[in-house]
Amino acid sequence: MWIVWAALVGLVIGFIARLLTPGKHPSGVIVTMVVGIAGSVIATIGGRAAGFYHSGERAGFIASIVGAIVLLLVLQALSGNRGRRW
């Protein structure tokens, strides 16, 4: 059941991150979900490295959105297609 919950939360986080990030983004429900989940992982790892979270703690909702935005910006920079859809 936790997998379904993580997928739904990842979908919401990915959707909000796509709304807040300028430019074209990869589309699709699965891609949005993966971006949201990966953003949460990025925020957790970054928060632990910065000392915000301890072992066993996860990033919050806002931090997960920030992590997903960072991931989308990195993907845009790596693709080189800022004006075109993937």
Protein backbone atom coordinates (compact mmCIF):
# COMPACT_ATOMS: atom_id res chain seq x y z
CA MET A 1 0.00 0.00 0.00
CA TRP A 2 2.91 2.37 0.66
CA ILE A 3 3.95 2.07 -2.99
CA VAL A 4 0.57 3.40 -4.13
CA TRP A 5 0.81 6.24 -1.62
CA ALA A 6 4.36 7.12 -2.74
CA ALA A 7 3.23 7.08 -6.38
CA LEU A 8 0.29 9.40 -5.70
CA VAL A 9 2.36 11.84 -3.66
CA GLY A 10 5.08 11.73 -6.34
CA LEU A 11 2.48 12.53 -8.99
CA VAL A 12 1.25 15.57 -7.05
CA ILE A 13 4.79 16.79 -6.35
CA GLY A 14 5.82 16.32 -9.99
CA PHE A 15 2.72 18.12 -11.24
CA ILE A 16 3.28 21.11 -8.95
CA ALA A 17 6.98 21.24 -9.92
CA ARG A 18 6.04 21.24 -13.62
CA LEU A 19 3.63 24.12 -13.03
CA LEU A 20 6.28 26.18 -11.22
CA THR A 21 9.17 25.53 -13.62
CA PRO A 22 9.32 27.58 -16.83
CA GLY A 23 9.88 25.92 -20.18
CA LYS A 24 8.80 22.73 -21.84
CA HIS A 25 8.84 19.48 -19.87
CA PRO A 26 8.50 15.81 -20.68
CA SER A 27 4.84 14.90 -20.57
CA GLY A 28 2.97 11.92 -19.27
CA VAL A 29 1.70 10.67 -15.95
CA ILE A 30 4.53 8.20 -15.40
CA VAL A 31 7.26 10.76 -16.16
CA THR A 32 5.61 13.30 -13.85
CA MET A 33 5.38 10.69 -11.10
CA VAL A 34 9.03 9.70 -11.47
CA VAL A 35 10.12 13.36 -11.40
CA GLY A 36 8.16 13.87 -8.17
CA ILE A 37 9.57 10.78 -6.48
CA ALA A 38 13.12 11.57 -7.63
CA GLY A 39 12.69 15.16 -6.42
CA SER A 40 11.78 13.87 -2.99
CA VAL A 41 14.86 11.66 -2.95
CA ILE A 42 17.05 14.59 -4.05
CA ALA A 43 15.58 16.79 -1.30
CA THR A 44 16.13 14.09 1.32
CA ILE A 45 19.75 13.49 0.33
CA GLY A 46 20.47 17.22 0.05
CA GLY A 47 18.79 17.93 3.39
CA ARG A 48 20.81 15.24 5.13
CA ALA A 49 24.03 16.58 3.60
CA ALA A 50 23.15 20.09 4.77
CA GLY A 51 22.23 18.84 8.24
CA PHE A 52 18.51 19.59 8.02
CA TYR A 53 17.44 15.94 8.35
CA HIS A 54 18.81 13.10 10.41
CA SER A 55 18.97 9.44 9.49
CA GLY A 56 15.49 8.05 9.04
CA GLU A 57 13.87 11.44 8.37
CA ARG A 58 12.47 12.29 4.96
CA ALA A 59 12.09 15.62 3.24
CA GLY A 60 8.87 17.54 3.62
CA PHE A 61 6.38 18.40 0.93
CA ILE A 62 7.84 21.83 0.04
CA ALA A 63 11.41 20.49 0.01
CA SER A 64 10.30 17.68 -2.29
CA ILE A 65 8.81 20.19 -4.71
CA VAL A 66 12.07 22.17 -4.66
CA GLY A 67 13.99 18.95 -5.36
CA ALA A 68 11.73 18.16 -8.31
CA ILE A 69 12.18 21.69 -9.68
CA VAL A 70 15.96 21.29 -9.43
CA LEU A 71 15.69 17.97 -11.28
CA LEU A 72 13.58 19.54 -14.05
CA LEU A 73 16.04 22.42 -14.46
CA VAL A 74 18.98 20.00 -14.67
CA LEU A 75 17.14 17.91 -17.26
CA GLN A 76 16.42 21.04 -19.31
CA ALA A 77 20.07 22.11 -19.14
CA LEU A 78 21.31 18.66 -20.17
CA SER A 79 18.88 18.31 -23.04
CA GLY A 80 19.82 21.58 -24.71
CA ASN A 81 16.29 21.78 -26.16
CA ARG A 82 14.91 24.56 -24.02
CA GLY A 83 12.36 25.69 -26.58
CA ARG A 84 11.24 22.31 -27.88
CA ARG A 85 9.28 19.47 -26.38
CA TRP A 86 11.24 16.24 -25.70
